[in-house]
Amino acid sequence: MDNIMRTVEMYEKAINENKLVGIKCNDCSRVMVPPRPVCRNCYGTNLSEVEVEGKGKLVTWTVIHISPPTFMDMAPYTLGIVELTNGERLTGIVNEPPENLYIGLEVEASFAENKEGASRLRWKKTE
């Protein structure tokens, strides 16, 4: 359980510093985003934190009309899955109107501070 908490804390700390990070397995070289305490390829635990390029393509999205309490003031908002350039997939809020979205849209990571003061990952159209 300690490994999981350390991994989550490391990821959140990076997001708060406006960085996107993953974990690289030092045994098989797989890079995973978001980070995890065990390699999902070889099940190794010899892992290192790596900064990841926050660029990719939109794979799918949905518009959330009824949200959890934390995001009620944002509804409706768009939640998308982005395939990063390294093949990993990551979910986040997309800062584009739904009518401007399409599968394959090139996006990049951006970061927005929420009301609690912590940064949150957002996706924006690549300029």
N, C-alpha and C. Protein backbone atom coordinates (compact mmCIF):
# COMPACT_ATOMS: atom_id res chain seq x y z
N MET A 1 0.82 -1.19 0.00
CA MET A 1 0.00 0.00 0.00
C MET A 1 0.87 1.27 0.00
N ASP A 2 2.02 1.23 0.66
CA ASP A 2 2.91 2.38 0.68
C ASP A 2 3.40 2.74 -0.72
N ASN A 3 3.72 1.71 -1.54
CA ASN A 3 4.15 1.97 -2.92
C ASN A 3 3.08 2.68 -3.72
N ILE A 4 1.83 2.29 -3.51
CA ILE A 4 0.72 2.91 -4.24
C ILE A 4 0.59 4.37 -3.83
N MET A 5 0.63 4.65 -2.53
CA MET A 5 0.51 6.02 -2.05
C MET A 5 1.67 6.89 -2.54
N ARG A 6 2.88 6.36 -2.53
CA ARG A 6 4.03 7.12 -3.03
C ARG A 6 3.88 7.43 -4.51
N THR A 7 3.37 6.47 -5.27
CA THR A 7 3.18 6.66 -6.71
C THR A 7 2.13 7.74 -6.97
N VAL A 8 1.02 7.70 -6.25
CA VAL A 8 -0.04 8.71 -6.41
C VAL A 8 0.49 10.09 -6.01
N GLU A 9 1.20 10.17 -4.90
CA GLU A 9 1.75 11.44 -4.44
C GLU A 9 2.74 12.01 -5.45
N MET A 10 3.58 11.16 -6.03
CA MET A 10 4.55 11.60 -7.03
C MET A 10 3.84 12.17 -8.25
N TYR A 11 2.78 11.50 -8.71
CA TYR A 11 2.02 11.95 -9.88
C TYR A 11 1.34 13.29 -9.60
N GLU A 12 0.69 13.39 -8.44
CA GLU A 12 -0.01 14.63 -8.08
C GLU A 12 0.97 15.79 -7.91
N LYS A 13 2.13 15.53 -7.33
CA LYS A 13 3.15 16.57 -7.16
C LYS A 13 3.59 17.09 -8.53
N ALA A 14 3.80 16.19 -9.48
CA ALA A 14 4.21 16.60 -10.83
C ALA A 14 3.13 17.43 -11.50
N ILE A 15 1.87 17.02 -11.39
CA ILE A 15 0.76 17.77 -11.97
C ILE A 15 0.73 19.18 -11.38
N ASN A 16 0.95 19.28 -10.06
CA ASN A 16 0.96 20.59 -9.41
C ASN A 16 2.13 21.45 -9.87
N GLU A 17 3.15 20.83 -10.42
CA GLU A 17 4.28 21.56 -11.00
C GLU A 17 4.12 21.71 -12.52
N ASN A 18 2.90 21.43 -13.00
CA ASN A 18 2.57 21.54 -14.43
C ASN A 18 3.44 20.64 -15.30
N LYS A 19 3.69 19.43 -14.81
CA LYS A 19 4.45 18.43 -15.56
C LYS A 19 3.62 17.15 -15.64
N LEU A 20 3.83 16.41 -16.70
CA LEU A 20 3.21 15.11 -16.85
C LEU A 20 4.31 14.06 -16.71
N VAL A 21 4.14 13.14 -15.77
CA VAL A 21 5.16 12.13 -15.54
C VAL A 21 4.57 10.73 -15.65
N GLY A 22 5.47 9.79 -15.87
CA GLY A 22 5.13 8.39 -15.90
C GLY A 22 6.21 7.62 -15.17
N ILE A 23 6.12 6.32 -15.29
CA ILE A 23 7.10 5.42 -14.69
C ILE A 23 7.74 4.62 -15.82
N LYS A 24 9.06 4.52 -15.80
CA LYS A 24 9.77 3.69 -16.77
C LYS A 24 10.29 2.46 -16.03
N CYS A 25 10.00 1.30 -16.59
CA CYS A 25 10.53 0.06 -16.03
C CYS A 25 11.98 -0.07 -16.49
N ASN A 26 12.87 -0.20 -15.53
CA ASN A 26 14.29 -0.32 -15.85
C ASN A 26 14.67 -1.72 -16.34
N ASP A 27 13.72 -2.66 -16.23
CA ASP A 27 13.98 -4.03 -16.70
C ASP A 27 13.56 -4.23 -18.15
N CYS A 28 12.38 -3.70 -18.53
CA CYS A 28 11.89 -3.92 -19.90
C CYS A 28 11.75 -2.63 -20.71
N SER A 29 12.02 -1.48 -20.11
CA SER A 29 11.99 -0.16 -20.76
C SER A 29 10.60 0.38 -21.07
N ARG A 30 9.55 -0.28 -20.60
CA ARG A 30 8.18 0.20 -20.82
C ARG A 30 7.95 1.48 -20.02
N VAL A 31 7.32 2.48 -20.64
CA VAL A 31 6.93 3.71 -19.96
C VAL A 31 5.42 3.68 -19.78
N MET A 32 4.98 3.91 -18.55
CA MET A 32 3.55 3.84 -18.23
C MET A 32 3.05 5.16 -17.67
N VAL A 33 1.89 5.58 -18.16
CA VAL A 33 1.24 6.79 -17.69
C VAL A 33 -0.23 6.45 -17.47
N PRO A 34 -0.82 6.79 -16.35
CA PRO A 34 -0.19 7.36 -15.17
C PRO A 34 0.73 6.34 -14.52
N PRO A 35 1.59 6.83 -13.62
CA PRO A 35 2.53 5.92 -12.96
C PRO A 35 1.81 4.86 -12.15
N ARG A 36 2.49 3.75 -11.97
CA ARG A 36 1.97 2.64 -11.16
C ARG A 36 3.13 1.99 -10.43
N PRO A 37 2.87 1.28 -9.37
CA PRO A 37 3.97 0.72 -8.58
C PRO A 37 4.58 -0.56 -9.15
N VAL A 38 3.94 -1.15 -10.17
CA VAL A 38 4.43 -2.40 -10.77
C VAL A 38 4.30 -2.29 -12.28
N CYS A 39 5.29 -2.75 -13.01
CA CYS A 39 5.24 -2.74 -14.46
C CYS A 39 4.15 -3.68 -14.95
N ARG A 40 3.27 -3.18 -15.81
CA ARG A 40 2.19 -4.04 -16.30
C ARG A 40 2.65 -4.93 -17.45
N ASN A 41 3.90 -4.74 -17.90
CA ASN A 41 4.44 -5.56 -18.97
C ASN A 41 5.19 -6.78 -18.41
N CYS A 42 6.13 -6.53 -17.47
CA CYS A 42 6.95 -7.63 -16.94
C CYS A 42 6.75 -7.86 -15.44
N TYR A 43 5.88 -7.05 -14.83
CA TYR A 43 5.57 -7.14 -13.40
C TYR A 43 6.76 -6.79 -12.51
N GLY A 44 7.75 -6.12 -13.07
CA GLY A 44 8.91 -5.70 -12.29
C GLY A 44 8.60 -4.50 -11.40
N THR A 45 9.46 -4.29 -10.44
CA THR A 45 9.32 -3.15 -9.53
C THR A 45 10.54 -2.24 -9.56
N ASN A 46 11.44 -2.46 -10.50
CA ASN A 46 12.63 -1.63 -10.67
C ASN A 46 12.24 -0.47 -11.59
N LEU A 47 11.65 0.58 -11.01
CA LEU A 47 11.01 1.65 -11.78
C LEU A 47 11.65 3.00 -11.50
N SER A 48 11.58 3.89 -12.49
CA SER A 48 12.09 5.25 -12.34
C SER A 48 11.05 6.23 -12.87
N GLU A 49 10.95 7.38 -12.22
CA GLU A 49 10.07 8.44 -12.67
C GLU A 49 10.67 9.08 -13.92
N VAL A 50 9.83 9.34 -14.93
CA VAL A 50 10.27 10.02 -16.15
C VAL A 50 9.23 11.06 -16.54
N GLU A 51 9.71 12.18 -17.07
CA GLU A 51 8.78 13.18 -17.60
C GLU A 51 8.33 12.70 -18.97
N VAL A 52 7.06 12.89 -19.27
CA VAL A 52 6.45 12.40 -20.50
C VAL A 52 5.97 13.60 -21.33
N GLU A 53 6.17 13.51 -22.63
CA GLU A 53 5.66 14.56 -23.51
C GLU A 53 4.14 14.53 -23.46
N GLY A 54 3.54 15.65 -23.17
CA GLY A 54 2.09 15.72 -23.02
C GLY A 54 1.37 16.01 -24.32
N LYS A 55 1.66 15.25 -25.36
CA LYS A 55 1.00 15.44 -26.64
C LYS A 55 0.40 14.12 -27.10
N GLY A 56 -0.71 14.21 -27.80
CA GLY A 56 -1.34 13.00 -28.30
C GLY A 56 -2.54 13.32 -29.16
N LYS A 57 -3.34 12.28 -29.38
CA LYS A 57 -4.53 12.41 -30.22
C LYS A 57 -5.75 11.94 -29.44
N LEU A 58 -6.84 12.64 -29.64
CA LEU A 58 -8.09 12.30 -28.98
C LEU A 58 -8.63 10.99 -29.55
N VAL A 59 -8.91 10.05 -28.66
CA VAL A 59 -9.42 8.73 -29.08
C VAL A 59 -10.94 8.70 -28.99
N THR A 60 -11.47 9.27 -27.90
CA THR A 60 -12.92 9.33 -27.70
C THR A 60 -13.22 10.38 -26.66
N TRP A 61 -14.48 10.75 -26.52
CA TRP A 61 -14.89 11.72 -25.52
C TRP A 61 -16.36 11.55 -25.21
N THR A 62 -16.77 12.14 -24.11
CA THR A 62 -18.17 12.18 -23.72
C THR A 62 -18.42 13.48 -22.99
N VAL A 63 -19.65 13.97 -23.08
CA VAL A 63 -20.02 15.18 -22.38
C VAL A 63 -20.72 14.77 -21.08
N ILE A 64 -20.20 15.28 -19.98
CA ILE A 64 -20.75 14.97 -18.66
C ILE A 64 -21.76 16.06 -18.29
N HIS A 65 -23.01 15.67 -18.13
CA HIS A 65 -24.06 16.62 -17.74
C HIS A 65 -24.37 16.52 -16.25
N ILE A 66 -24.30 15.32 -15.71
CA ILE A 66 -24.53 15.11 -14.28
C ILE A 66 -23.21 14.66 -13.69
N SER A 67 -22.59 15.53 -12.93
CA SER A 67 -21.22 15.30 -12.48
C SER A 67 -21.15 14.97 -11.00
N PRO A 68 -20.00 14.47 -10.56
CA PRO A 68 -19.79 14.32 -9.12
C PRO A 68 -19.75 15.70 -8.47
N PRO A 69 -19.99 15.78 -7.17
CA PRO A 69 -20.05 17.08 -6.48
C PRO A 69 -18.84 17.98 -6.73
N THR A 70 -17.65 17.41 -6.87
CA THR A 70 -16.44 18.21 -7.06
C THR A 70 -16.48 19.02 -8.36
N PHE A 71 -17.18 18.53 -9.36
CA PHE A 71 -17.20 19.18 -10.67
C PHE A 71 -18.56 19.78 -11.04
N MET A 72 -19.48 19.86 -10.08
CA MET A 72 -20.84 20.33 -10.38
C MET A 72 -20.86 21.71 -11.03
N ASP A 73 -19.97 22.59 -10.60
CA ASP A 73 -19.97 23.95 -11.15
C ASP A 73 -19.42 23.98 -12.58
N MET A 74 -18.84 22.89 -13.05
CA MET A 74 -18.29 22.83 -14.40
C MET A 74 -19.26 22.21 -15.41
N ALA A 75 -20.24 21.46 -14.93
CA ALA A 75 -21.14 20.72 -15.83
C ALA A 75 -21.95 21.68 -16.69
N PRO A 76 -22.15 21.35 -17.95
CA PRO A 76 -21.59 20.20 -18.65
C PRO A 76 -20.12 20.45 -19.04
N TYR A 77 -19.35 19.38 -19.02
CA TYR A 77 -17.95 19.45 -19.44
C TYR A 77 -17.62 18.20 -20.24
N THR A 78 -16.53 18.28 -20.99
CA THR A 78 -16.15 17.17 -21.87
C THR A 78 -14.99 16.41 -21.26
N LEU A 79 -15.13 15.11 -21.17
CA LEU A 79 -14.08 14.22 -20.68
C LEU A 79 -13.59 13.39 -21.86
N GLY A 80 -12.28 13.40 -22.07
CA GLY A 80 -11.74 12.69 -23.23
C GLY A 80 -10.65 11.70 -22.86
N ILE A 81 -10.42 10.75 -23.73
CA ILE A 81 -9.29 9.83 -23.61
C ILE A 81 -8.33 10.18 -24.73
N VAL A 82 -7.07 10.42 -24.33
CA VAL A 82 -6.03 10.83 -25.27
C VAL A 82 -4.98 9.74 -25.34
N GLU A 83 -4.61 9.36 -26.56
CA GLU A 83 -3.49 8.44 -26.76
C GLU A 83 -2.24 9.28 -26.95
N LEU A 84 -1.32 9.15 -25.99
CA LEU A 84 -0.09 9.91 -26.03
C LEU A 84 0.83 9.40 -27.14
N THR A 85 1.85 10.16 -27.47
CA THR A 85 2.77 9.77 -28.54
C THR A 85 3.49 8.46 -28.22
N ASN A 86 3.59 8.09 -26.93
CA ASN A 86 4.24 6.83 -26.58
C ASN A 86 3.26 5.66 -26.55
N GLY A 87 1.99 5.89 -26.93
CA GLY A 87 0.99 4.82 -26.99
C GLY A 87 0.15 4.67 -25.74
N GLU A 88 0.55 5.28 -24.64
CA GLU A 88 -0.24 5.22 -23.41
C GLU A 88 -1.49 6.07 -23.56
N ARG A 89 -2.53 5.74 -22.81
CA ARG A 89 -3.77 6.51 -22.87
C ARG A 89 -4.06 7.13 -21.50
N LEU A 90 -4.57 8.36 -21.54
CA LEU A 90 -4.81 9.11 -20.33
C LEU A 90 -6.11 9.88 -20.47
N THR A 91 -6.90 9.89 -19.41
CA THR A 91 -8.18 10.58 -19.39
C THR A 91 -8.02 11.98 -18.81
N GLY A 92 -8.81 12.91 -19.29
CA GLY A 92 -8.82 14.25 -18.73
C GLY A 92 -9.90 15.11 -19.36
N ILE A 93 -10.13 16.24 -18.74
CA ILE A 93 -11.11 17.19 -19.26
C ILE A 93 -10.53 17.87 -20.49
N VAL A 94 -11.36 17.97 -21.52
CA VAL A 94 -10.94 18.59 -22.79
C VAL A 94 -11.47 20.02 -22.82
N ASN A 95 -10.58 20.98 -23.00
CA ASN A 95 -10.96 22.40 -23.02
C ASN A 95 -11.33 22.88 -24.42
N GLU A 96 -12.16 22.14 -25.08
CA GLU A 96 -12.65 22.52 -26.40
C GLU A 96 -14.15 22.23 -26.44
N PRO A 97 -14.93 23.03 -27.15
CA PRO A 97 -16.35 22.73 -27.28
C PRO A 97 -16.55 21.39 -28.00
N PRO A 98 -17.52 20.59 -27.56
CA PRO A 98 -17.74 19.26 -28.17
C PRO A 98 -17.91 19.31 -29.68
N GLU A 99 -18.51 20.38 -30.21
CA GLU A 99 -18.73 20.44 -31.65
C GLU A 99 -17.43 20.61 -32.44
N ASN A 100 -16.32 20.95 -31.75
CA ASN A 100 -15.02 21.08 -32.42
C ASN A 100 -14.16 19.83 -32.29
N LEU A 101 -14.68 18.80 -31.65
CA LEU A 101 -13.89 17.59 -31.41
C LEU A 101 -14.11 16.55 -32.50
N TYR A 102 -13.06 15.78 -32.75
CA TYR A 102 -13.14 14.65 -33.67
C TYR A 102 -12.05 13.65 -33.29
N ILE A 103 -12.26 12.40 -33.64
CA ILE A 103 -11.27 11.38 -33.35
C ILE A 103 -10.00 11.70 -34.14
N GLY A 104 -8.87 11.71 -33.43
CA GLY A 104 -7.60 12.03 -34.06
C GLY A 104 -7.17 13.48 -33.85
N LEU A 105 -8.03 14.30 -33.23
CA LEU A 105 -7.67 15.69 -32.96
C LEU A 105 -6.39 15.73 -32.13
N GLU A 106 -5.42 16.50 -32.58
CA GLU A 106 -4.15 16.61 -31.85
C GLU A 106 -4.33 17.56 -30.68
N VAL A 107 -3.97 17.06 -29.49
CA VAL A 107 -4.11 17.82 -28.26
C VAL A 107 -2.81 17.77 -27.47
N GLU A 108 -2.71 18.69 -26.51
CA GLU A 108 -1.56 18.71 -25.62
C GLU A 108 -2.03 18.99 -24.20
N ALA A 109 -1.24 18.56 -23.26
CA ALA A 109 -1.56 18.74 -21.85
C ALA A 109 -1.48 20.21 -21.48
N SER A 110 -2.42 20.63 -20.67
CA SER A 110 -2.37 21.94 -20.04
C SER A 110 -2.81 21.71 -18.60
N PHE A 111 -2.65 22.69 -17.79
CA PHE A 111 -2.93 22.51 -16.37
C PHE A 111 -3.74 23.69 -15.87
N ALA A 112 -4.76 23.41 -15.08
CA ALA A 112 -5.62 24.45 -14.53
C ALA A 112 -5.72 24.26 -13.02
N GLU A 113 -5.66 25.35 -12.30
CA GLU A 113 -5.78 25.27 -10.85
C GLU A 113 -7.27 25.17 -10.50
N ASN A 114 -7.59 24.24 -9.60
CA ASN A 114 -8.98 24.12 -9.18
C ASN A 114 -9.20 24.91 -7.90
N LYS A 115 -10.42 24.90 -7.41
CA LYS A 115 -10.75 25.75 -6.27
C LYS A 115 -10.02 25.36 -4.99
N GLU A 116 -9.54 24.13 -4.89
CA GLU A 116 -8.76 23.72 -3.71
C GLU A 116 -7.30 24.14 -3.83
N GLY A 117 -6.91 24.72 -4.95
CA GLY A 117 -5.55 25.19 -5.13
C GLY A 117 -4.63 24.22 -5.85
N ALA A 118 -5.05 22.98 -6.03
CA ALA A 118 -4.23 21.99 -6.73
C ALA A 118 -4.46 22.10 -8.23
N SER A 119 -3.44 21.81 -9.01
CA SER A 119 -3.58 21.81 -10.47
C SER A 119 -4.25 20.52 -10.92
N ARG A 120 -4.93 20.60 -12.04
CA ARG A 120 -5.56 19.44 -12.65
C ARG A 120 -5.19 19.41 -14.12
N LEU A 121 -5.01 18.20 -14.64
CA LEU A 121 -4.68 18.01 -16.05
C LEU A 121 -5.87 18.33 -16.92
N ARG A 122 -5.62 19.07 -17.98
CA ARG A 122 -6.62 19.40 -19.00
C ARG A 122 -5.99 19.14 -20.35
N TRP A 123 -6.83 18.92 -21.36
CA TRP A 123 -6.35 18.75 -22.72
C TRP A 123 -6.82 19.91 -23.55
N LYS A 124 -5.93 20.47 -24.37
CA LYS A 124 -6.30 21.56 -25.26
C LYS A 124 -5.81 21.23 -26.66
N LYS A 125 -6.49 21.79 -27.64
CA LYS A 125 -6.11 21.59 -29.03
C LYS A 125 -4.69 22.11 -29.25
N THR A 126 -3.88 21.32 -29.96
CA THR A 126 -2.51 21.73 -30.27
C THR A 126 -2.56 22.87 -31.27
N GLU A 127 -1.77 23.88 -30.98
CA GLU A 127 -1.78 25.06 -31.85
C GLU A 127 -0.71 25.00 -32.90
